Each structure stands twice: as C-alpha cells, then as structure tokens.
Amino acid sequence: MVNNNYDQDNELDEINRQIEEELNNYNPEEDEKPKKQFLTISFLGTLMLLIMILLGIFKTVF
C-alpha cells in the first residue's frame, strides 16, 4: 500500500516536471496566428455588389 502511494507520487512528480518544462519552453509569440483583415478588397467588392442589388430591388418595389 505504501509502495503504491510512492509510485503514484513519483508519476505525479514526473508529470508535473514535464508540464513545467513545456511551460518554460513555451513561446507565445511563435504560437500567434496571423489576424485576418476585415476590410479586404474582396469583402468590399462583395459588399458593394450586395448594396447595389438591394438598392435595385428597393427601387423596383417602391
């Protein structure tokens, strides 16, 4: 029973050491994903087309 508890403690200590090593080696700047641009040319083109279509529908209905 005491030996089993000792083995579990050793396993937990080893896991904690591995986690601490990974955290020490972690560089958040490497993990950054490039941010997506919101106002791209394709987005603006699609938005302009949508506005023109909606204005055309609006003019014909009203």
N, C-alpha and C. Protein backbone atom coordinates (compact mmCIF):
# COMPACT_ATOMS: atom_id res chain seq x y z
N MET A 1 0.82 -1.19 0.00
CA MET A 1 0.00 0.00 0.00
C MET A 1 0.87 1.26 0.00
N VAL A 2 1.90 1.28 0.83
CA VAL A 2 2.79 2.43 0.88
C VAL A 2 3.57 2.53 -0.42
N ASN A 3 3.97 1.40 -0.98
CA ASN A 3 4.73 1.37 -2.23
C ASN A 3 3.87 1.91 -3.37
N ASN A 4 2.60 1.55 -3.40
CA ASN A 4 1.69 2.02 -4.44
C ASN A 4 1.53 3.54 -4.37
N ASN A 5 1.42 4.08 -3.17
CA ASN A 5 1.29 5.52 -2.97
C ASN A 5 2.58 6.23 -3.43
N TYR A 6 3.72 5.59 -3.14
CA TYR A 6 5.01 6.15 -3.55
C TYR A 6 5.12 6.19 -5.07
N ASP A 7 4.64 5.13 -5.75
CA ASP A 7 4.67 5.08 -7.22
C ASP A 7 3.78 6.17 -7.81
N GLN A 8 2.61 6.38 -7.22
CA GLN A 8 1.71 7.43 -7.71
C GLN A 8 2.33 8.81 -7.53
N ASP A 9 2.99 9.02 -6.40
CA ASP A 9 3.66 10.30 -6.16
C ASP A 9 4.76 10.54 -7.18
N ASN A 10 5.52 9.48 -7.49
CA ASN A 10 6.59 9.61 -8.48
C ASN A 10 6.02 9.93 -9.85
N GLU A 11 4.91 9.26 -10.21
CA GLU A 11 4.28 9.54 -11.50
C GLU A 11 3.80 10.99 -11.56
N LEU A 12 3.16 11.45 -10.50
CA LEU A 12 2.67 12.82 -10.48
C LEU A 12 3.82 13.83 -10.54
N ASP A 13 4.90 13.54 -9.83
CA ASP A 13 6.06 14.43 -9.88
C ASP A 13 6.65 14.49 -11.29
N GLU A 14 6.70 13.35 -11.95
CA GLU A 14 7.24 13.32 -13.31
C GLU A 14 6.34 14.09 -14.27
N ILE A 15 5.04 13.90 -14.13
CA ILE A 15 4.10 14.64 -14.98
C ILE A 15 4.22 16.14 -14.72
N ASN A 16 4.33 16.53 -13.47
CA ASN A 16 4.49 17.95 -13.13
C ASN A 16 5.77 18.51 -13.71
N ARG A 17 6.85 17.75 -13.67
CA ARG A 17 8.12 18.21 -14.25
C ARG A 17 7.99 18.40 -15.76
N GLN A 18 7.30 17.46 -16.41
CA GLN A 18 7.11 17.58 -17.86
C GLN A 18 6.28 18.82 -18.20
N ILE A 19 5.24 19.05 -17.44
CA ILE A 19 4.38 20.22 -17.68
C ILE A 19 5.16 21.51 -17.45
N GLU A 20 5.93 21.55 -16.37
CA GLU A 20 6.74 22.75 -16.09
C GLU A 20 7.76 22.99 -17.19
N GLU A 21 8.35 21.92 -17.70
CA GLU A 21 9.34 22.07 -18.78
C GLU A 21 8.67 22.61 -20.04
N GLU A 22 7.49 22.08 -20.37
CA GLU A 22 6.77 22.58 -21.54
C GLU A 22 6.38 24.04 -21.37
N LEU A 23 5.94 24.41 -20.18
CA LEU A 23 5.57 25.81 -19.93
C LEU A 23 6.79 26.73 -20.01
N ASN A 24 7.92 26.26 -19.53
CA ASN A 24 9.13 27.08 -19.60
C ASN A 24 9.60 27.25 -21.04
N ASN A 25 9.37 26.24 -21.88
CA ASN A 25 9.80 26.31 -23.28
C ASN A 25 8.78 26.99 -24.17
N TYR A 26 7.60 27.28 -23.65
CA TYR A 26 6.53 27.87 -24.45
C TYR A 26 6.84 29.32 -24.80
N ASN A 27 6.72 29.64 -26.07
CA ASN A 27 6.93 31.00 -26.53
C ASN A 27 5.64 31.46 -27.19
N PRO A 28 4.88 32.34 -26.54
CA PRO A 28 3.58 32.74 -27.10
C PRO A 28 3.70 33.48 -28.43
N GLU A 29 4.83 34.09 -28.70
CA GLU A 29 4.99 34.81 -29.96
C GLU A 29 5.04 33.85 -31.14
N GLU A 30 5.57 32.64 -30.93
CA GLU A 30 5.62 31.65 -32.00
C GLU A 30 4.23 31.12 -32.31
N ASP A 31 3.37 31.08 -31.31
CA ASP A 31 2.06 30.46 -31.44
C ASP A 31 1.00 31.42 -31.98
N GLU A 32 1.34 32.68 -32.16
CA GLU A 32 0.37 33.65 -32.63
C GLU A 32 -0.03 33.36 -34.06
N LYS A 33 -1.34 33.38 -34.30
CA LYS A 33 -1.85 33.19 -35.64
C LYS A 33 -2.01 34.57 -36.27
N PRO A 34 -1.77 34.66 -37.55
CA PRO A 34 -1.96 35.97 -38.19
C PRO A 34 -3.43 36.37 -38.13
N LYS A 35 -3.65 37.63 -37.81
CA LYS A 35 -5.02 38.12 -37.70
C LYS A 35 -5.58 38.35 -39.10
N LYS A 36 -6.84 37.99 -39.26
CA LYS A 36 -7.48 38.18 -40.55
C LYS A 36 -7.89 39.63 -40.71
N GLN A 37 -7.71 40.13 -41.91
CA GLN A 37 -8.11 41.50 -42.18
C GLN A 37 -9.61 41.54 -42.44
N PHE A 38 -10.26 42.55 -41.93
CA PHE A 38 -11.70 42.67 -42.10
C PHE A 38 -12.05 43.35 -43.41
N LEU A 39 -11.38 44.44 -43.73
CA LEU A 39 -11.72 45.22 -44.92
C LEU A 39 -10.81 44.85 -46.09
N THR A 40 -10.97 43.65 -46.61
CA THR A 40 -10.18 43.24 -47.77
C THR A 40 -10.90 43.71 -49.03
N ILE A 41 -10.20 43.67 -50.14
CA ILE A 41 -10.79 44.13 -51.40
C ILE A 41 -11.95 43.23 -51.81
N SER A 42 -11.81 41.92 -51.61
CA SER A 42 -12.91 41.02 -52.00
C SER A 42 -14.14 41.27 -51.13
N PHE A 43 -13.91 41.54 -49.84
CA PHE A 43 -15.05 41.84 -48.96
C PHE A 43 -15.73 43.13 -49.39
N LEU A 44 -14.94 44.16 -49.69
CA LEU A 44 -15.53 45.44 -50.10
C LEU A 44 -16.27 45.29 -51.43
N GLY A 45 -15.71 44.53 -52.36
CA GLY A 45 -16.37 44.30 -53.64
C GLY A 45 -17.70 43.59 -53.46
N THR A 46 -17.70 42.56 -52.63
CA THR A 46 -18.95 41.83 -52.36
C THR A 46 -19.97 42.73 -51.68
N LEU A 47 -19.52 43.55 -50.76
CA LEU A 47 -20.41 44.47 -50.07
C LEU A 47 -21.02 45.48 -51.05
N MET A 48 -20.21 46.01 -51.96
CA MET A 48 -20.72 46.97 -52.94
C MET A 48 -21.76 46.32 -53.85
N LEU A 49 -21.48 45.09 -54.31
CA LEU A 49 -22.44 44.39 -55.16
C LEU A 49 -23.75 44.15 -54.42
N LEU A 50 -23.66 43.75 -53.18
CA LEU A 50 -24.84 43.49 -52.38
C LEU A 50 -25.66 44.76 -52.19
N ILE A 51 -24.99 45.86 -51.94
CA ILE A 51 -25.69 47.14 -51.77
C ILE A 51 -26.38 47.55 -53.06
N MET A 52 -25.69 47.38 -54.19
CA MET A 52 -26.30 47.75 -55.48
C MET A 52 -27.51 46.87 -55.79
N ILE A 53 -27.41 45.57 -55.50
CA ILE A 53 -28.54 44.67 -55.74
C ILE A 53 -29.71 45.06 -54.85
N LEU A 54 -29.44 45.33 -53.58
CA LEU A 54 -30.52 45.72 -52.66
C LEU A 54 -31.15 47.04 -53.07
N LEU A 55 -30.33 48.00 -53.51
CA LEU A 55 -30.88 49.28 -53.97
C LEU A 55 -31.74 49.09 -55.21
N GLY A 56 -31.31 48.22 -56.11
CA GLY A 56 -32.11 47.93 -57.31
C GLY A 56 -33.43 47.30 -56.96
N ILE A 57 -33.42 46.36 -56.04
CA ILE A 57 -34.67 45.73 -55.59
C ILE A 57 -35.56 46.76 -54.90
N PHE A 58 -34.96 47.59 -54.08
CA PHE A 58 -35.71 48.61 -53.34
C PHE A 58 -36.39 49.60 -54.29
N LYS A 59 -35.66 50.02 -55.36
CA LYS A 59 -36.22 50.98 -56.31
C LYS A 59 -37.37 50.36 -57.11
N THR A 60 -37.24 49.08 -57.48
CA THR A 60 -38.31 48.47 -58.31
C THR A 60 -39.55 48.18 -57.47
N VAL A 61 -39.38 47.87 -56.22
CA VAL A 61 -40.54 47.54 -55.38
C VAL A 61 -41.26 48.80 -54.93
N PHE A 62 -40.53 49.81 -54.58
CA PHE A 62 -41.15 51.03 -54.02
C PHE A 62 -41.11 52.12 -55.02
